[in-house]
Amino acid sequence: MLLIYSNPESWAAMSREMDRVWAEHYALNDEITASGEAVGGQALSDPSHTRTVRLREGSASVTDGPFAETKEHLAGFYVVECESTERAIEIAARIPDAKYNAVEVRPIVEAADT
């Protein structure tokens, strides 16, 4: 899974070139779809729409916002199936957001692996 991180400051910087950023996302998505490496992916809503649920002593506590106390937040993801970690890193490096923040490459645990 390629996890795309963002923060409000980076979005402000990208706002001047969002057409190019989205065009790069679409081109990358088309490429990895054609190669058979794309499994899925999606942009995520702004963190202001996030609710975090914690169960404590049998009661659910719901708070606004993302769960981490940080400026960066998870902004979207690609799910890819690659021959190697190196290939996943190559794809992650081409995600336009990597120029502004971080893109994390993390293997998905298959049910049989747990």
C-alpha atoms as a PDB file:
ATOM      1  CA  MET A   1       0.000   0.000   0.000  1.00  0.00           C
ATOM      2  CA  LEU A   2       1.315   3.456  -0.870  1.00  0.00           C
ATOM      3  CA  LEU A   3       0.089   5.872   1.816  1.00  0.00           C
ATOM      4  CA  ILE A   4       0.073   9.518   0.770  1.00  0.00           C
ATOM      5  CA  TYR A   5       0.547  12.106   3.515  1.00  0.00           C
ATOM      6  CA  SER A   6      -0.210  15.805   3.337  1.00  0.00           C
ATOM      7  CA  ASN A   7      -0.553  18.875   5.501  1.00  0.00           C
ATOM      8  CA  PRO A   8      -2.303  22.230   5.030  1.00  0.00           C
ATOM      9  CA  GLU A   9       0.966  24.001   4.244  1.00  0.00           C
ATOM     10  CA  SER A  10       1.792  21.615   1.413  1.00  0.00           C
ATOM     11  CA  TRP A  11      -1.716  21.924  -0.046  1.00  0.00           C
ATOM     12  CA  ALA A  12      -1.284  25.703  -0.049  1.00  0.00           C
ATOM     13  CA  ALA A  13       1.976  25.266  -1.980  1.00  0.00           C
ATOM     14  CA  MET A  14       0.346  22.806  -4.386  1.00  0.00           C
ATOM     15  CA  SER A  15      -2.751  24.965  -4.963  1.00  0.00           C
ATOM     16  CA  ARG A  16      -0.895  26.929  -7.627  1.00  0.00           C
ATOM     17  CA  GLU A  17      -0.222  23.780  -9.602  1.00  0.00           C
ATOM     18  CA  MET A  18      -3.127  21.450  -8.759  1.00  0.00           C
ATOM     19  CA  ASP A  19      -4.006  20.839 -12.411  1.00  0.00           C
ATOM     20  CA  ARG A  20      -0.504  19.461 -12.971  1.00  0.00           C
ATOM     21  CA  VAL A  21      -0.589  17.422  -9.744  1.00  0.00           C
ATOM     22  CA  TRP A  22      -3.903  15.771 -10.673  1.00  0.00           C
ATOM     23  CA  ALA A  23      -2.684  15.169 -14.241  1.00  0.00           C
ATOM     24  CA  GLU A  24       0.371  13.369 -12.824  1.00  0.00           C
ATOM     25  CA  HIS A  25      -1.859  11.262 -10.557  1.00  0.00           C
ATOM     26  CA  TYR A  26      -4.116  10.311 -13.495  1.00  0.00           C
ATOM     27  CA  ALA A  27      -1.125   9.446 -15.701  1.00  0.00           C
ATOM     28  CA  LEU A  28       0.456   7.287 -12.984  1.00  0.00           C
ATOM     29  CA  ASN A  29      -2.866   5.585 -12.300  1.00  0.00           C
ATOM     30  CA  ASP A  30      -3.342   4.862 -16.017  1.00  0.00           C
ATOM     31  CA  GLU A  31       0.182   3.393 -16.210  1.00  0.00           C
ATOM     32  CA  ILE A  32      -0.103   1.090 -13.204  1.00  0.00           C
ATOM     33  CA  THR A  33      -3.603   0.031 -14.288  1.00  0.00           C
ATOM     34  CA  ALA A  34      -2.284  -0.888 -17.737  1.00  0.00           C
ATOM     35  CA  SER A  35       0.625  -2.826 -16.188  1.00  0.00           C
ATOM     36  CA  GLY A  36      -1.753  -4.738 -13.906  1.00  0.00           C
ATOM     37  CA  GLU A  37      -0.080  -3.371 -10.750  1.00  0.00           C
ATOM     38  CA  ALA A  38      -3.032  -1.214  -9.626  1.00  0.00           C
ATOM     39  CA  VAL A  39      -5.376  -2.898  -7.186  1.00  0.00           C
ATOM     40  CA  GLY A  40      -7.174   0.197  -5.904  1.00  0.00           C
ATOM     41  CA  GLY A  41      -6.805   3.570  -4.301  1.00  0.00           C
ATOM     42  CA  GLN A  42      -8.634   6.698  -3.318  1.00  0.00           C
ATOM     43  CA  ALA A  43      -8.196  10.252  -2.134  1.00  0.00           C
ATOM     44  CA  LEU A  44      -9.444  10.825   1.404  1.00  0.00           C
ATOM     45  CA  SER A  45     -11.598  13.667   2.666  1.00  0.00           C
ATOM     46  CA  ASP A  46     -10.142  16.575   4.596  1.00  0.00           C
ATOM     47  CA  PRO A  47      -9.282  15.706   8.229  1.00  0.00           C
ATOM     48  CA  SER A  48     -11.952  18.151   9.429  1.00  0.00           C
ATOM     49  CA  HIS A  49     -14.472  15.476   8.408  1.00  0.00           C
ATOM     50  CA  THR A  50     -12.690  12.766  10.431  1.00  0.00           C
ATOM     51  CA  ARG A  51     -14.079  11.167  13.559  1.00  0.00           C
ATOM     52  CA  THR A  52     -11.890   9.005  15.771  1.00  0.00           C
ATOM     53  CA  VAL A  53     -13.534   6.260  17.818  1.00  0.00           C
ATOM     54  CA  ARG A  54     -11.939   4.721  20.891  1.00  0.00           C
ATOM     55  CA  LEU A  55     -13.561   2.048  23.035  1.00  0.00           C
ATOM     56  CA  ARG A  56     -12.690   2.463  26.710  1.00  0.00           C
ATOM     57  CA  GLU A  57     -14.254   0.481  29.524  1.00  0.00           C
ATOM     58  CA  GLY A  58     -17.069  -0.624  27.236  1.00  0.00           C
ATOM     59  CA  SER A  59     -18.021   2.881  26.071  1.00  0.00           C
ATOM     60  CA  ALA A  60     -17.286   4.449  22.718  1.00  0.00           C
ATOM     61  CA  SER A  61     -15.650   7.847  22.784  1.00  0.00           C
ATOM     62  CA  VAL A  62     -15.858   9.834  19.549  1.00  0.00           C
ATOM     63  CA  THR A  63     -13.663  12.851  18.883  1.00  0.00           C
ATOM     64  CA  ASP A  64     -13.309  15.149  15.903  1.00  0.00           C
ATOM     65  CA  GLY A  65     -10.247  14.992  13.726  1.00  0.00           C
ATOM     66  CA  PRO A  66      -7.522  12.496  12.962  1.00  0.00           C
ATOM     67  CA  PHE A  67      -6.146  10.249  15.655  1.00  0.00           C
ATOM     68  CA  ALA A  68      -2.582  11.576  15.615  1.00  0.00           C
ATOM     69  CA  GLU A  69      -1.412  14.877  17.038  1.00  0.00           C
ATOM     70  CA  THR A  70       0.500  15.971  13.968  1.00  0.00           C
ATOM     71  CA  LYS A  71       0.278  18.445  11.095  1.00  0.00           C
ATOM     72  CA  GLU A  72       0.512  15.677   8.530  1.00  0.00           C
ATOM     73  CA  HIS A  73      -2.491  13.507   7.796  1.00  0.00           C
ATOM     74  CA  LEU A  74      -3.290  10.574   5.560  1.00  0.00           C
ATOM     75  CA  ALA A  75      -4.587  12.135   2.343  1.00  0.00           C
ATOM     76  CA  GLY A  76      -5.033   9.098   0.131  1.00  0.00           C
ATOM     77  CA  PHE A  77      -3.606   5.790  -0.961  1.00  0.00           C
ATOM     78  CA  TYR A  78      -2.839   3.479  -3.822  1.00  0.00           C
ATOM     79  CA  VAL A  79      -3.002  -0.277  -3.438  1.00  0.00           C
ATOM     80  CA  VAL A  80      -0.540  -1.913  -5.820  1.00  0.00           C
ATOM     81  CA  GLU A  81       0.627  -5.445  -6.404  1.00  0.00           C
ATOM     82  CA  CYS A  82       4.264  -5.371  -7.453  1.00  0.00           C
ATOM     83  CA  GLU A  83       6.964  -7.932  -8.044  1.00  0.00           C
ATOM     84  CA  SER A  84       9.195  -6.276  -5.457  1.00  0.00           C
ATOM     85  CA  THR A  85       9.431  -3.631  -2.775  1.00  0.00           C
ATOM     86  CA  GLU A  86      11.829  -1.765  -5.053  1.00  0.00           C
ATOM     87  CA  ARG A  87       9.100  -1.485  -7.722  1.00  0.00           C
ATOM     88  CA  ALA A  88       6.621  -0.203  -5.125  1.00  0.00           C
ATOM     89  CA  ILE A  89       9.204   2.414  -4.106  1.00  0.00           C
ATOM     90  CA  GLU A  90       9.646   3.436  -7.761  1.00  0.00           C
ATOM     91  CA  ILE A  91       5.899   3.988  -8.068  1.00  0.00           C
ATOM     92  CA  ALA A  92       5.718   5.834  -4.720  1.00  0.00           C
ATOM     93  CA  ALA A  93       8.476   8.201  -5.857  1.00  0.00           C
ATOM     94  CA  ARG A  94       6.354   9.140  -8.875  1.00  0.00           C
ATOM     95  CA  ILE A  95       3.321  10.145  -6.803  1.00  0.00           C
ATOM     96  CA  PRO A  96       3.296  13.944  -7.097  1.00  0.00           C
ATOM     97  CA  ASP A  97       2.662  14.426  -3.381  1.00  0.00           C
ATOM     98  CA  ALA A  98       6.092  12.909  -2.630  1.00  0.00           C
ATOM     99  CA  LYS A  99       7.574  16.250  -3.758  1.00  0.00           C
ATOM    100  CA  TYR A 100       5.836  18.010  -0.865  1.00  0.00           C
ATOM    101  CA  ASN A 101       5.415  15.408   1.909  1.00  0.00           C
ATOM    102  CA  ALA A 102       5.832  11.698   2.453  1.00  0.00           C
ATOM    103  CA  VAL A 103       4.550   8.631   0.682  1.00  0.00           C
ATOM    104  CA  GLU A 104       4.860   5.534   2.832  1.00  0.00           C
ATOM    105  CA  VAL A 105       5.318   2.093   1.292  1.00  0.00           C
ATOM    106  CA  ARG A 106       3.794  -0.534   3.552  1.00  0.00           C
ATOM    107  CA  PRO A 107       3.033  -4.196   2.799  1.00  0.00           C
ATOM    108  CA  ILE A 108      -0.535  -5.361   3.408  1.00  0.00           C
ATOM    109  CA  VAL A 109      -0.817  -8.373   5.685  1.00  0.00           C
ATOM    110  CA  GLU A 110      -2.777 -11.142   4.004  1.00  0.00           C
ATOM    111  CA  ALA A 111      -5.238 -13.069   6.177  1.00  0.00           C
ATOM    112  CA  ALA A 112      -3.065 -16.183   5.942  1.00  0.00           C
ATOM    113  CA  ASP A 113      -0.075 -14.152   7.220  1.00  0.00           C
ATOM    114  CA  THR A 114      -1.712 -13.241  10.546  1.00  0.00           C
END
